[in-house]
Structure formats: C-alpha cells, structure tokens
Protein backbone atom coordinates (compact mmCIF):
# COMPACT_ATOMS: atom_id res chain seq x y z
CA UNK A 1 -38.10 45.38 -8.69
CA UNK A 2 -35.53 42.61 -10.70
CA UNK A 3 -34.79 40.10 -8.06
CA UNK A 4 -37.18 41.33 -5.45
CA UNK A 5 -37.80 40.39 -2.60
CA UNK A 6 -40.77 40.41 0.23
CA UNK A 7 -38.43 42.65 2.56
CA UNK A 8 -37.31 45.09 -0.41
CA UNK A 9 -40.99 45.36 -1.36
CA UNK A 10 -42.22 45.91 2.21
CA UNK A 11 -39.48 48.76 2.36
CA UNK A 12 -40.59 50.16 -0.97
CA UNK A 13 -44.37 50.64 0.33
CA UNK A 14 -42.96 52.74 3.12
CA UNK A 15 -42.25 55.55 0.52
CA UNK A 16 -46.16 55.48 -0.24
CA UNK A 17 -47.51 54.99 2.94
CA UNK A 18 -49.42 58.15 3.54
CA UNK A 19 -52.53 57.22 5.92
CA UNK A 20 -52.87 58.48 9.72
CA UNK A 21 -50.12 57.06 11.67
CA UNK A 22 -48.26 55.71 8.78
CA UNK A 23 -45.35 53.56 9.96
CA UNK A 24 -45.78 53.67 13.67
CA UNK A 25 -47.57 50.25 14.24
CA UNK A 26 -50.48 52.48 16.03
CA UNK A 27 -53.76 50.98 16.38
CA UNK A 28 -55.27 53.41 13.44
CA UNK A 29 -52.61 52.56 11.02
CA UNK A 30 -52.97 48.63 11.57
CA UNK A 31 -56.92 49.33 11.45
CA UNK A 32 -56.31 51.14 8.31
CA UNK A 33 -54.34 48.94 6.41
CA UNK A 34 -56.67 45.76 7.46
CA UNK A 35 -59.89 47.77 6.09
CA UNK A 36 -57.68 48.95 2.93
CA UNK A 37 -56.73 44.92 2.37
CA UNK A 38 -60.51 43.85 2.47
CA UNK A 39 -61.59 46.55 0.20
CA UNK A 40 -58.70 45.73 -2.39
CA UNK A 41 -59.57 42.18 -1.76
CA UNK A 42 -63.27 42.93 -3.00
CA UNK A 43 -62.23 44.64 -6.26
CA UNK A 44 -60.14 41.99 -7.35
CA UNK A 45 -63.33 39.72 -6.99
CA UNK A 46 -65.61 42.52 -8.47
CA UNK A 47 -63.17 42.58 -11.30
CA UNK A 48 -63.70 39.16 -11.78
CA UNK A 49 -67.46 39.13 -11.21
CA UNK A 50 -67.56 41.10 -14.38
CA UNK A 51 -65.46 38.79 -16.20
CA UNK A 52 -68.41 36.07 -15.38
CA UNK A 53 -71.20 38.67 -16.23
CA UNK A 54 -70.06 41.22 -18.83
CA UNK A 55 -67.36 39.27 -20.79
CA UNK A 56 -68.68 35.67 -21.26
CA UNK A 57 -66.17 34.26 -19.09
CA UNK A 58 -63.52 35.27 -21.17
CA UNK A 59 -60.62 37.05 -19.36
CA UNK A 60 -59.80 39.83 -21.58
CA UNK A 61 -56.54 41.73 -21.80
CA UNK A 62 -58.22 45.09 -20.39
CA UNK A 63 -59.74 42.77 -17.42
CA UNK A 64 -56.28 40.98 -16.75
CA UNK A 65 -54.56 44.46 -16.68
CA UNK A 66 -57.60 45.26 -14.09
CA UNK A 67 -56.87 42.04 -11.89
CA UNK A 68 -53.03 42.80 -11.93
CA UNK A 69 -53.56 46.30 -10.90
CA UNK A 70 -55.95 45.53 -8.21
CA UNK A 71 -53.77 41.95 -7.08
CA UNK A 72 -50.80 44.97 -6.73
CA UNK A 73 -52.88 46.81 -4.24
CA UNK A 74 -53.82 43.59 -2.33
CA UNK A 75 -50.12 43.01 -2.35
CA UNK A 76 -49.47 46.65 -0.84
CA UNK A 77 -52.18 46.32 2.15
CA UNK A 78 -50.44 42.94 2.86
CA UNK A 79 -46.99 44.61 3.16
CA UNK A 80 -48.24 47.39 5.13
CA UNK A 81 -50.17 45.31 7.75
CA UNK A 82 -47.10 43.18 8.17
CA UNK A 83 -44.80 46.02 8.56
CA UNK A 84 -47.40 48.19 10.97
CA UNK A 85 -47.59 44.99 13.27
CA UNK A 86 -43.68 44.22 12.99
CA UNK A 87 -43.58 40.80 11.33
CA UNK A 88 -41.22 39.87 8.63
CA UNK A 89 -43.25 39.08 5.74
CA UNK A 90 -40.40 36.88 3.86
CA UNK A 91 -40.78 34.53 7.01
CA UNK A 92 -45.04 34.74 7.12
CA UNK A 93 -44.55 33.70 3.44
CA UNK A 94 -42.06 30.66 3.97
CA UNK A 95 -44.17 29.51 7.08
CA UNK A 96 -47.28 29.23 5.01
CA UNK A 97 -45.64 27.35 2.18
CA UNK A 98 -44.38 24.80 5.13
CA UNK A 99 -47.85 25.06 6.29
CA UNK A 100 -49.04 23.92 2.85
CA UNK A 101 -46.51 21.51 2.24
CA UNK A 102 -47.30 19.61 5.35
CA UNK A 103 -50.99 19.30 4.44
CA UNK A 104 -50.04 17.96 1.09
CA UNK A 105 -47.90 15.28 2.76
CA UNK A 106 -50.33 14.24 4.66
CA UNK A 107 -53.20 14.81 2.06
CA UNK A 108 -55.17 17.17 3.90
CA UNK A 109 -55.11 19.97 1.57
CA UNK A 110 -58.69 19.71 0.59
CA UNK A 111 -61.06 20.04 3.58
CA UNK A 112 -61.53 22.98 6.42
CA UNK A 113 -60.20 24.20 9.62
CA UNK A 114 -56.99 25.67 10.22
CA UNK A 115 -55.99 22.80 12.66
CA UNK A 116 -55.41 20.02 9.42
C-alpha cells in the first residue's frame, strides 16, 4: 500500500471483514471487533514476553516478524472498530497527535489521567 492513508487502509479492511453483521455498525459487529482488538493486543504482549523468557531479551528476526504480524492484526481491528462506529480513523489519529503535542508543550506527557 504505497502512499497509504488510514482512510485507504480502513476501506481495504472491508474486503476481509467476515464476522457477524460486518459493515453494519451493529452491536454484534462492534463487540466482535473490540474483543478482537483485545485478543490481538494480548498476542503482541505475549510475543514480546517470549523475547524476555525464551530469547534472553534479544528480539530475533523470527520474533520481530511475529510481532509485526500481530501489530498488523491490531491495526486491522482498530480500523474495523473505527469503521463500524462510523468514525474517521485519520481524524482520530490527527486528534491524538494534537493531544500529545499539547501535553508535550505543557510538559505533562508523564503522569496519568486523561485530563492532563
């Protein structure tokens, strides 16, 4: 996907959305995608855990490939959630960067809480 955008990626994910009520914005479609995201994020963490446990904290080429694959799955679910909810993923990304830049300018990147 040379020159890919989030909008183009979201559109491409529709071709492989084969869950119940896919592309409908239904509660079942949203629930499926949210749960899928949680599962895939867990797989990213589990793969990295194996770097620590099995690979002496060395990210081998095999683990790197596994992690990239799992991150791709996370990205797919993020795209599907935004699409099912009718949200513009590019707008979400822009708003997130604006929020983080504001926190950096105000020197509140560290810490916790949504209202920093």
